[in-house]
Amino acid sequence: MNKSLTFIPLNLADFKKYTQTFRTKLEQIEYLVENKLVVQNELEQNKNIGGNNNALMLEMVDYAENEIKKLGGKPEKWIEYPLVTNVHDFNVRKESMKDEGRLLEWVKWLLNNVEPPVEENEGIKKDLGWSYNDRVLRQAKLDCIEQGKEYVELKWDASNLDDDFVDHLERQLKTNTDLL
């Protein structure tokens, strides 16, 4: 998806219009939830001010909540697997995922959502390193916001995966029989 989820609408009409531009229900839900959280944050900061601006914000929150319900509701957690960004964190989580019987599917999920970003400058492509894809980064952000956790460090780590980590995941998939 190339469209920005962070477009903050100025009025309800823009909010409705922009929500409809996303192709999938999940993208619409992500956009609605993110903007609802932003607006609720603004409301919290402005709660003593009152006036028309707060009424508009409440309208936008109500619209978002109703649309989210119509679209099937938001998931309990945006990301169903633990998001790890280095070999150490992977090894810490590995045993619990194995005990749950989900180690193989977790490793596959991690690898399927890692991609090498490529920057193109004047027709020359340059590999910048590994990163989780945009969907995982957005969903990790929503999980952090809803759980009251800090997102900046996680985003940095998830956007700057080193080769050793990706190689480790690939080796786990190819050689590690305890994934089964």
N, C-alpha and C. Protein backbone atom coordinates (compact mmCIF):
# COMPACT_ATOMS: atom_id res chain seq x y z
N MET A 1 0.85 -1.17 0.00
CA MET A 1 0.00 0.00 0.00
C MET A 1 0.89 1.23 0.00
N ASN A 2 0.62 2.15 -0.88
CA ASN A 2 1.42 3.37 -0.98
C ASN A 2 0.78 4.53 -0.26
N LYS A 3 -0.46 4.41 0.08
CA LYS A 3 -1.20 5.49 0.70
C LYS A 3 -0.79 5.67 2.15
N SER A 4 -0.75 6.90 2.60
CA SER A 4 -0.34 7.19 3.98
C SER A 4 -1.50 6.97 4.94
N LEU A 5 -1.23 6.25 6.00
CA LEU A 5 -2.23 6.07 7.04
C LEU A 5 -2.24 7.25 7.99
N THR A 6 -1.28 8.13 7.87
CA THR A 6 -1.15 9.21 8.84
C THR A 6 -1.79 10.51 8.37
N PHE A 7 -2.54 10.51 7.27
CA PHE A 7 -3.26 11.70 6.84
C PHE A 7 -4.32 12.00 7.90
N ILE A 8 -4.20 13.16 8.52
CA ILE A 8 -5.15 13.54 9.57
C ILE A 8 -6.19 14.46 8.93
N PRO A 9 -7.45 14.02 8.88
CA PRO A 9 -8.49 14.84 8.26
C PRO A 9 -8.85 16.05 9.11
N LEU A 10 -9.25 17.11 8.43
CA LEU A 10 -9.64 18.34 9.13
C LEU A 10 -11.12 18.37 9.47
N ASN A 11 -11.90 17.56 8.76
CA ASN A 11 -13.33 17.53 9.03
C ASN A 11 -13.87 16.12 8.77
N LEU A 12 -15.10 15.91 9.15
CA LEU A 12 -15.70 14.59 9.04
C LEU A 12 -15.84 14.15 7.58
N ALA A 13 -16.18 15.08 6.69
CA ALA A 13 -16.32 14.73 5.27
C ALA A 13 -15.00 14.20 4.71
N ASP A 14 -13.90 14.87 5.03
CA ASP A 14 -12.58 14.40 4.57
C ASP A 14 -12.25 13.04 5.17
N PHE A 15 -12.59 12.87 6.42
CA PHE A 15 -12.34 11.60 7.11
C PHE A 15 -13.06 10.46 6.39
N LYS A 16 -14.35 10.66 6.11
CA LYS A 16 -15.14 9.64 5.41
C LYS A 16 -14.58 9.37 4.02
N LYS A 17 -14.27 10.43 3.31
CA LYS A 17 -13.78 10.32 1.94
C LYS A 17 -12.45 9.57 1.89
N TYR A 18 -11.52 9.95 2.74
CA TYR A 18 -10.20 9.33 2.71
C TYR A 18 -10.25 7.87 3.17
N THR A 19 -11.13 7.56 4.11
CA THR A 19 -11.26 6.18 4.58
C THR A 19 -11.63 5.26 3.42
N GLN A 20 -12.47 5.73 2.52
CA GLN A 20 -12.94 4.91 1.41
C GLN A 20 -11.88 4.67 0.34
N THR A 21 -10.77 5.39 0.40
CA THR A 21 -9.74 5.22 -0.63
C THR A 21 -8.86 4.00 -0.41
N PHE A 22 -8.93 3.38 0.76
CA PHE A 22 -8.12 2.19 1.02
C PHE A 22 -8.77 0.97 0.40
N ARG A 23 -7.96 0.09 -0.15
CA ARG A 23 -8.47 -1.06 -0.89
C ARG A 23 -9.07 -2.14 -0.01
N THR A 24 -8.46 -2.41 1.13
CA THR A 24 -8.92 -3.53 1.94
C THR A 24 -9.58 -3.04 3.23
N LYS A 25 -10.40 -3.91 3.79
CA LYS A 25 -11.05 -3.58 5.06
C LYS A 25 -10.02 -3.38 6.16
N LEU A 26 -8.98 -4.21 6.17
CA LEU A 26 -7.96 -4.10 7.21
C LEU A 26 -7.25 -2.74 7.13
N GLU A 27 -6.94 -2.29 5.92
CA GLU A 27 -6.31 -0.97 5.77
C GLU A 27 -7.24 0.13 6.26
N GLN A 28 -8.53 0.00 5.96
CA GLN A 28 -9.50 1.00 6.43
C GLN A 28 -9.56 0.99 7.96
N ILE A 29 -9.59 -0.20 8.55
CA ILE A 29 -9.64 -0.31 10.01
C ILE A 29 -8.38 0.30 10.63
N GLU A 30 -7.22 -0.01 10.06
CA GLU A 30 -5.97 0.56 10.57
C GLU A 30 -6.03 2.08 10.56
N TYR A 31 -6.49 2.64 9.44
CA TYR A 31 -6.57 4.09 9.31
C TYR A 31 -7.55 4.68 10.33
N LEU A 32 -8.71 4.06 10.44
CA LEU A 32 -9.72 4.55 11.38
C LEU A 32 -9.22 4.48 12.82
N VAL A 33 -8.60 3.38 13.19
CA VAL A 33 -8.10 3.23 14.57
C VAL A 33 -7.01 4.24 14.86
N GLU A 34 -6.07 4.39 13.92
CA GLU A 34 -4.98 5.33 14.16
C GLU A 34 -5.50 6.76 14.32
N ASN A 35 -6.42 7.17 13.46
CA ASN A 35 -6.97 8.53 13.57
C ASN A 35 -7.85 8.69 14.79
N LYS A 36 -8.59 7.66 15.13
CA LYS A 36 -9.40 7.72 16.35
C LYS A 36 -8.50 7.95 17.56
N LEU A 37 -7.38 7.24 17.63
CA LEU A 37 -6.45 7.41 18.74
C LEU A 37 -5.84 8.80 18.76
N VAL A 38 -5.51 9.34 17.59
CA VAL A 38 -4.95 10.69 17.51
C VAL A 38 -5.97 11.71 17.99
N VAL A 39 -7.21 11.57 17.52
CA VAL A 39 -8.27 12.52 17.90
C VAL A 39 -8.58 12.40 19.40
N GLN A 40 -8.63 11.18 19.92
CA GLN A 40 -8.88 11.00 21.35
C GLN A 40 -7.76 11.63 22.18
N ASN A 41 -6.55 11.53 21.70
CA ASN A 41 -5.42 12.16 22.37
C ASN A 41 -5.59 13.68 22.40
N GLU A 42 -6.00 14.25 21.27
CA GLU A 42 -6.27 15.70 21.20
C GLU A 42 -7.39 16.09 22.15
N LEU A 43 -8.44 15.28 22.18
CA LEU A 43 -9.57 15.56 23.08
C LEU A 43 -9.11 15.57 24.53
N GLU A 44 -8.26 14.63 24.87
CA GLU A 44 -7.75 14.55 26.24
C GLU A 44 -6.97 15.82 26.59
N GLN A 45 -6.18 16.30 25.63
CA GLN A 45 -5.40 17.51 25.87
C GLN A 45 -6.28 18.76 25.92
N ASN A 46 -7.40 18.74 25.19
CA ASN A 46 -8.29 19.91 25.11
C ASN A 46 -9.53 19.80 25.98
N LYS A 47 -9.60 18.84 26.88
CA LYS A 47 -10.87 18.57 27.56
C LYS A 47 -11.44 19.76 28.33
N ASN A 48 -10.63 20.69 28.74
CA ASN A 48 -11.14 21.85 29.47
C ASN A 48 -11.55 23.01 28.56
N ILE A 49 -11.20 22.91 27.27
CA ILE A 49 -11.47 24.01 26.35
C ILE A 49 -12.94 24.05 25.91
N GLY A 50 -13.49 22.91 25.52
CA GLY A 50 -14.87 22.85 25.04
C GLY A 50 -14.99 23.46 23.66
N GLY A 51 -16.21 23.76 23.24
CA GLY A 51 -16.42 24.44 21.97
C GLY A 51 -16.67 23.49 20.81
N ASN A 52 -16.79 24.08 19.62
CA ASN A 52 -17.13 23.34 18.40
C ASN A 52 -16.05 22.35 17.99
N ASN A 53 -14.80 22.70 18.22
CA ASN A 53 -13.72 21.81 17.82
C ASN A 53 -13.83 20.46 18.53
N ASN A 54 -14.14 20.48 19.82
CA ASN A 54 -14.31 19.23 20.55
C ASN A 54 -15.52 18.45 20.06
N ALA A 55 -16.58 19.16 19.69
CA ALA A 55 -17.77 18.49 19.16
C ALA A 55 -17.43 17.78 17.85
N LEU A 56 -16.66 18.43 17.00
CA LEU A 56 -16.24 17.81 15.74
C LEU A 56 -15.36 16.59 16.01
N MET A 57 -14.47 16.71 16.96
CA MET A 57 -13.60 15.58 17.30
C MET A 57 -14.41 14.40 17.82
N LEU A 58 -15.41 14.68 18.66
CA LEU A 58 -16.26 13.61 19.17
C LEU A 58 -17.03 12.94 18.03
N GLU A 59 -17.47 13.74 17.06
CA GLU A 59 -18.16 13.21 15.89
C GLU A 59 -17.24 12.27 15.11
N MET A 60 -15.99 12.67 14.97
CA MET A 60 -15.02 11.86 14.24
C MET A 60 -14.74 10.55 14.98
N VAL A 61 -14.65 10.60 16.29
CA VAL A 61 -14.44 9.39 17.09
C VAL A 61 -15.64 8.46 16.93
N ASP A 62 -16.86 9.00 17.02
CA ASP A 62 -18.07 8.19 16.85
C ASP A 62 -18.11 7.55 15.46
N TYR A 63 -17.79 8.35 14.44
CA TYR A 63 -17.77 7.82 13.07
C TYR A 63 -16.77 6.66 12.97
N ALA A 64 -15.56 6.87 13.51
CA ALA A 64 -14.53 5.83 13.44
C ALA A 64 -15.00 4.56 14.14
N GLU A 65 -15.56 4.70 15.33
CA GLU A 65 -16.02 3.53 16.08
C GLU A 65 -17.11 2.78 15.31
N ASN A 66 -18.07 3.50 14.73
CA ASN A 66 -19.15 2.86 13.97
C ASN A 66 -18.62 2.18 12.71
N GLU A 67 -17.70 2.82 12.00
CA GLU A 67 -17.13 2.23 10.79
C GLU A 67 -16.32 0.99 11.12
N ILE A 68 -15.57 1.04 12.19
CA ILE A 68 -14.76 -0.11 12.60
C ILE A 68 -15.69 -1.30 12.87
N LYS A 69 -16.81 -1.06 13.54
CA LYS A 69 -17.79 -2.13 13.80
C LYS A 69 -18.35 -2.67 12.49
N LYS A 70 -18.72 -1.76 11.57
CA LYS A 70 -19.28 -2.17 10.27
C LYS A 70 -18.30 -3.02 9.47
N LEU A 71 -17.02 -2.69 9.60
CA LEU A 71 -15.98 -3.41 8.84
C LEU A 71 -15.57 -4.72 9.51
N GLY A 72 -16.17 -5.05 10.63
CA GLY A 72 -15.89 -6.32 11.29
C GLY A 72 -15.12 -6.20 12.59
N GLY A 73 -14.82 -4.99 12.99
CA GLY A 73 -14.13 -4.78 14.26
C GLY A 73 -12.62 -4.92 14.14
N LYS A 74 -11.95 -4.37 15.12
CA LYS A 74 -10.49 -4.45 15.11
C LYS A 74 -10.05 -5.70 15.85
N PRO A 75 -8.89 -6.22 15.49
CA PRO A 75 -8.40 -7.40 16.20
C PRO A 75 -8.01 -7.08 17.64
N GLU A 76 -7.99 -8.10 18.48
CA GLU A 76 -7.55 -7.92 19.88
C GLU A 76 -6.11 -7.42 19.90
N LYS A 77 -5.29 -8.07 19.10
CA LYS A 77 -3.89 -7.65 18.93
C LYS A 77 -3.68 -7.52 17.43
N TRP A 78 -2.93 -6.53 17.05
CA TRP A 78 -2.68 -6.33 15.62
C TRP A 78 -1.71 -7.36 15.08
N ILE A 79 -0.70 -7.69 15.85
CA ILE A 79 0.30 -8.66 15.41
C ILE A 79 0.13 -9.91 16.26
N GLU A 80 -0.05 -11.04 15.59
CA GLU A 80 -0.34 -12.26 16.34
C GLU A 80 0.90 -12.97 16.88
N TYR A 81 2.07 -12.60 16.40
CA TYR A 81 3.31 -13.22 16.86
C TYR A 81 4.20 -12.17 17.51
N PRO A 82 5.10 -12.61 18.41
CA PRO A 82 6.06 -11.65 18.98
C PRO A 82 6.97 -11.08 17.89
N LEU A 83 7.14 -9.80 17.90
CA LEU A 83 8.00 -9.13 16.92
C LEU A 83 9.39 -8.99 17.53
N VAL A 84 10.35 -9.70 16.97
CA VAL A 84 11.72 -9.63 17.46
C VAL A 84 12.60 -9.02 16.37
N THR A 85 13.69 -8.39 16.80
CA THR A 85 14.51 -7.66 15.83
C THR A 85 15.98 -8.04 15.88
N ASN A 86 16.32 -9.04 16.67
CA ASN A 86 17.72 -9.47 16.74
C ASN A 86 17.78 -10.92 17.21
N VAL A 87 18.95 -11.52 17.06
CA VAL A 87 19.14 -12.93 17.39
C VAL A 87 18.89 -13.19 18.88
N HIS A 88 19.38 -12.32 19.74
CA HIS A 88 19.20 -12.51 21.18
C HIS A 88 17.72 -12.57 21.55
N ASP A 89 16.93 -11.59 21.08
CA ASP A 89 15.49 -11.58 21.39
C ASP A 89 14.79 -12.79 20.81
N PHE A 90 15.22 -13.21 19.61
CA PHE A 90 14.65 -14.41 19.01
C PHE A 90 14.88 -15.61 19.92
N ASN A 91 16.13 -15.78 20.37
CA ASN A 91 16.47 -16.93 21.21
C ASN A 91 15.74 -16.90 22.55
N VAL A 92 15.50 -15.71 23.08
CA VAL A 92 14.75 -15.58 24.34
C VAL A 92 13.32 -16.08 24.15
N ARG A 93 12.70 -15.76 23.02
CA ARG A 93 11.29 -16.13 22.76
C ARG A 93 11.13 -17.54 22.20
N LYS A 94 12.20 -18.08 21.67
CA LYS A 94 12.14 -19.34 20.93
C LYS A 94 11.51 -20.47 21.74
N GLU A 95 11.94 -20.65 22.97
CA GLU A 95 11.44 -21.77 23.79
C GLU A 95 9.94 -21.66 24.05
N SER A 96 9.47 -20.45 24.36
CA SER A 96 8.03 -20.31 24.62
C SER A 96 7.21 -20.57 23.36
N MET A 97 7.73 -20.16 22.21
CA MET A 97 7.01 -20.43 20.95
C MET A 97 7.03 -21.93 20.65
N LYS A 98 8.13 -22.58 20.97
CA LYS A 98 8.23 -24.03 20.78
C LYS A 98 7.24 -24.75 21.70
N ASP A 99 7.17 -24.31 22.96
CA ASP A 99 6.23 -24.91 23.91
C ASP A 99 4.78 -24.75 23.46
N GLU A 100 4.48 -23.64 22.80
CA GLU A 100 3.12 -23.39 22.29
C GLU A 100 2.85 -24.14 20.99
N GLY A 101 3.90 -24.74 20.41
CA GLY A 101 3.74 -25.45 19.14
C GLY A 101 3.62 -24.52 17.94
N ARG A 102 4.13 -23.30 18.09
CA ARG A 102 3.99 -22.32 17.01
C ARG A 102 5.34 -21.82 16.49
N LEU A 103 6.42 -22.50 16.82
CA LEU A 103 7.75 -22.03 16.45
C LEU A 103 7.94 -21.98 14.94
N LEU A 104 7.58 -23.04 14.24
CA LEU A 104 7.76 -23.07 12.79
C LEU A 104 6.96 -21.96 12.11
N GLU A 105 5.69 -21.83 12.47
CA GLU A 105 4.88 -20.78 11.83
C GLU A 105 5.37 -19.39 12.20
N TRP A 106 5.91 -19.20 13.40
CA TRP A 106 6.47 -17.91 13.81
C TRP A 106 7.69 -17.54 12.96
N VAL A 107 8.61 -18.51 12.79
CA VAL A 107 9.80 -18.24 11.98
C VAL A 107 9.39 -17.92 10.54
N LYS A 108 8.44 -18.67 10.00
CA LYS A 108 7.96 -18.39 8.64
C LYS A 108 7.33 -17.00 8.56
N TRP A 109 6.54 -16.64 9.57
CA TRP A 109 5.90 -15.32 9.60
C TRP A 109 6.96 -14.22 9.64
N LEU A 110 7.96 -14.38 10.50
CA LEU A 110 9.03 -13.38 10.58
C LEU A 110 9.70 -13.21 9.23
N LEU A 111 10.08 -14.32 8.60
CA LEU A 111 10.78 -14.24 7.31
C LEU A 111 9.89 -13.68 6.20
N ASN A 112 8.61 -14.04 6.22
CA ASN A 112 7.70 -13.54 5.19
C ASN A 112 7.45 -12.05 5.29
N ASN A 113 7.69 -11.48 6.46
CA ASN A 113 7.43 -10.06 6.66
C ASN A 113 8.68 -9.20 6.70
N VAL A 114 9.83 -9.81 6.41
CA VAL A 114 11.10 -9.08 6.32
C VAL A 114 11.38 -8.83 4.85
N GLU A 115 11.80 -7.62 4.56
CA GLU A 115 12.14 -7.31 3.17
C GLU A 115 13.34 -6.36 3.11
N PRO A 116 14.12 -6.52 2.04
CA PRO A 116 15.24 -5.60 1.88
C PRO A 116 14.76 -4.32 1.19
N PRO A 117 14.84 -3.17 1.87
CA PRO A 117 14.43 -1.94 1.20
C PRO A 117 15.47 -1.54 0.16
N VAL A 118 14.98 -1.00 -0.93
CA VAL A 118 15.87 -0.58 -2.00
C VAL A 118 15.60 0.88 -2.28
N GLU A 119 16.66 1.67 -2.27
CA GLU A 119 16.53 3.09 -2.59
C GLU A 119 17.01 3.28 -4.02
N GLU A 120 16.24 4.02 -4.80
CA GLU A 120 16.64 4.30 -6.16
C GLU A 120 16.97 5.77 -6.28
N ASN A 121 18.17 6.05 -6.75
CA ASN A 121 18.62 7.42 -6.92
C ASN A 121 19.21 7.54 -8.32
N GLU A 122 18.55 8.31 -9.16
CA GLU A 122 18.97 8.50 -10.55
C GLU A 122 19.16 7.16 -11.26
N GLY A 123 18.22 6.26 -11.06
CA GLY A 123 18.24 4.97 -11.74
C GLY A 123 19.15 3.93 -11.12
N ILE A 124 19.88 4.29 -10.09
CA ILE A 124 20.79 3.35 -9.44
C ILE A 124 20.14 2.84 -8.16
N LYS A 125 19.99 1.53 -8.07
CA LYS A 125 19.38 0.94 -6.88
C LYS A 125 20.44 0.66 -5.84
N LYS A 126 20.10 0.95 -4.60
CA LYS A 126 21.05 0.78 -3.49
C LYS A 126 20.33 0.04 -2.36
N ASP A 127 20.90 -1.08 -1.95
CA ASP A 127 20.32 -1.87 -0.86
C ASP A 127 20.65 -1.20 0.47
N LEU A 128 19.63 -0.88 1.25
CA LEU A 128 19.82 -0.18 2.51
C LEU A 128 19.81 -1.11 3.72
N GLY A 129 19.49 -2.35 3.54
CA GLY A 129 19.40 -3.27 4.66
C GLY A 129 18.00 -3.85 4.80
N TRP A 130 17.82 -4.66 5.79
CA TRP A 130 16.56 -5.37 6.00
C TRP A 130 15.63 -4.58 6.92
N SER A 131 14.33 -4.80 6.71
CA SER A 131 13.31 -4.14 7.52
C SER A 131 12.05 -5.00 7.49
N TYR A 132 11.24 -4.88 8.53
CA TYR A 132 9.90 -5.47 8.43
C TYR A 132 9.09 -4.62 7.46
N ASN A 133 8.11 -5.24 6.81
CA ASN A 133 7.32 -4.50 5.83
C ASN A 133 6.41 -3.46 6.50
N ASP A 134 5.85 -2.59 5.68
CA ASP A 134 5.03 -1.48 6.18
C ASP A 134 3.85 -1.94 7.02
N ARG A 135 3.22 -3.02 6.61
CA ARG A 135 2.05 -3.52 7.35
C ARG A 135 2.44 -3.88 8.78
N VAL A 136 3.53 -4.61 8.95
CA VAL A 136 3.98 -5.01 10.29
C VAL A 136 4.35 -3.78 11.10
N LEU A 137 5.03 -2.81 10.49
CA LEU A 137 5.40 -1.59 11.22
C LEU A 137 4.17 -0.82 11.69
N ARG A 138 3.16 -0.72 10.81
CA ARG A 138 1.91 -0.02 11.20
C ARG A 138 1.20 -0.75 12.33
N GLN A 139 1.11 -2.06 12.19
CA GLN A 139 0.39 -2.83 13.19
C GLN A 139 1.15 -2.85 14.52
N ALA A 140 2.46 -2.86 14.46
CA ALA A 140 3.25 -2.77 15.70
C ALA A 140 3.02 -1.43 16.38
N LYS A 141 2.91 -0.38 15.58
CA LYS A 141 2.65 0.95 16.14
C LYS A 141 1.29 0.97 16.85
N LEU A 142 0.27 0.41 16.21
CA LEU A 142 -1.06 0.38 16.81
C LEU A 142 -1.06 -0.44 18.10
N ASP A 143 -0.38 -1.59 18.10
CA ASP A 143 -0.27 -2.38 19.33
C ASP A 143 0.39 -1.58 20.43
N CYS A 144 1.48 -0.89 20.11
CA CYS A 144 2.20 -0.09 21.12
C CYS A 144 1.30 1.01 21.68
N ILE A 145 0.61 1.71 20.80
CA ILE A 145 -0.26 2.81 21.23
C ILE A 145 -1.34 2.28 22.17
N GLU A 146 -1.99 1.20 21.76
CA GLU A 146 -3.09 0.65 22.56
C GLU A 146 -2.62 0.07 23.89
N GLN A 147 -1.36 -0.39 23.94
CA GLN A 147 -0.83 -0.96 25.17
C GLN A 147 -0.04 0.06 25.99
N GLY A 148 0.02 1.30 25.49
CA GLY A 148 0.73 2.35 26.20
C GLY A 148 2.24 2.16 26.22
N LYS A 149 2.76 1.50 25.20
CA LYS A 149 4.20 1.25 25.12
C LYS A 149 4.85 2.25 24.17
N GLU A 150 6.14 2.43 24.34
CA GLU A 150 6.91 3.32 23.47
C GLU A 150 7.15 2.63 22.12
N TYR A 151 6.96 3.38 21.04
CA TYR A 151 7.08 2.80 19.70
C TYR A 151 8.36 3.19 18.98
N VAL A 152 8.95 4.31 19.32
CA VAL A 152 10.07 4.85 18.55
C VAL A 152 11.24 3.87 18.47
N GLU A 153 11.63 3.30 19.60
CA GLU A 153 12.76 2.37 19.59
C GLU A 153 12.43 1.10 18.81
N LEU A 154 11.20 0.59 19.00
CA LEU A 154 10.80 -0.61 18.27
C LEU A 154 10.81 -0.34 16.77
N LYS A 155 10.30 0.82 16.35
CA LYS A 155 10.29 1.14 14.92
C LYS A 155 11.70 1.20 14.37
N TRP A 156 12.60 1.84 15.11
CA TRP A 156 13.99 1.93 14.66
C TRP A 156 14.58 0.53 14.50
N ASP A 157 14.41 -0.30 15.52
CA ASP A 157 14.96 -1.65 15.46
C ASP A 157 14.33 -2.47 14.34
N ALA A 158 13.01 -2.36 14.18
CA ALA A 158 12.29 -3.14 13.16
C ALA A 158 12.56 -2.63 11.75
N SER A 159 13.05 -1.42 11.62
CA SER A 159 13.38 -0.85 10.31
C SER A 159 14.85 -1.02 9.96
N ASN A 160 15.64 -1.53 10.89
CA ASN A 160 17.08 -1.65 10.68
C ASN A 160 17.60 -3.01 11.14
N LEU A 161 17.05 -4.05 10.56
CA LEU A 161 17.46 -5.40 10.91
C LEU A 161 18.82 -5.70 10.28
N ASP A 162 19.68 -6.36 11.03
CA ASP A 162 20.98 -6.65 10.42
C ASP A 162 20.97 -8.00 9.72
N ASP A 163 21.95 -8.18 8.85
CA ASP A 163 22.04 -9.40 8.05
C ASP A 163 22.13 -10.65 8.92
N ASP A 164 22.83 -10.55 10.04
CA ASP A 164 22.99 -11.71 10.93
C ASP A 164 21.64 -12.23 11.42
N PHE A 165 20.73 -11.32 11.73
CA PHE A 165 19.41 -11.72 12.21
C PHE A 165 18.64 -12.45 11.12
N VAL A 166 18.62 -11.89 9.92
CA VAL A 166 17.89 -12.52 8.82
C VAL A 166 18.53 -13.86 8.46
N ASP A 167 19.86 -13.91 8.44
CA ASP A 167 20.56 -15.18 8.18
C ASP A 167 20.20 -16.22 9.25
N HIS A 168 20.13 -15.79 10.50
CA HIS A 168 19.78 -16.68 11.60
C HIS A 168 18.37 -17.27 11.39
N LEU A 169 17.43 -16.42 11.00
CA LEU A 169 16.07 -16.91 10.74
C LEU A 169 16.06 -17.93 9.61
N GLU A 170 16.79 -17.62 8.54
CA GLU A 170 16.85 -18.55 7.40
C GLU A 170 17.48 -19.88 7.80
N ARG A 171 18.54 -19.82 8.60
CA ARG A 171 19.18 -21.05 9.10
C ARG A 171 18.22 -21.85 9.97
N GLN A 172 17.45 -21.14 10.80
CA GLN A 172 16.48 -21.83 11.66
C GLN A 172 15.50 -22.62 10.81
N LEU A 173 15.05 -22.01 9.74
CA LEU A 173 14.06 -22.66 8.88
C LEU A 173 14.67 -23.85 8.14
N LYS A 174 15.92 -23.72 7.70
CA LYS A 174 16.56 -24.77 6.90
C LYS A 174 17.10 -25.93 7.73
N THR A 175 17.68 -25.64 8.88
CA THR A 175 18.44 -26.67 9.58
C THR A 175 17.90 -27.09 10.93
N ASN A 176 17.06 -26.32 11.52
CA ASN A 176 16.67 -26.59 12.90
C ASN A 176 15.46 -27.51 12.96
N THR A 177 15.69 -28.74 13.34
CA THR A 177 14.60 -29.71 13.39
C THR A 177 13.66 -29.47 14.56
N ASP A 178 14.10 -28.68 15.57
CA ASP A 178 13.19 -28.46 16.70
C ASP A 178 12.13 -27.40 16.38
N LEU A 179 12.06 -26.95 15.12
CA LEU A 179 10.98 -26.05 14.72
C LEU A 179 9.67 -26.82 14.59
N LEU A 180 9.79 -28.11 14.36
CA LEU A 180 8.59 -28.91 14.10
C LEU A 180 7.86 -29.31 15.34
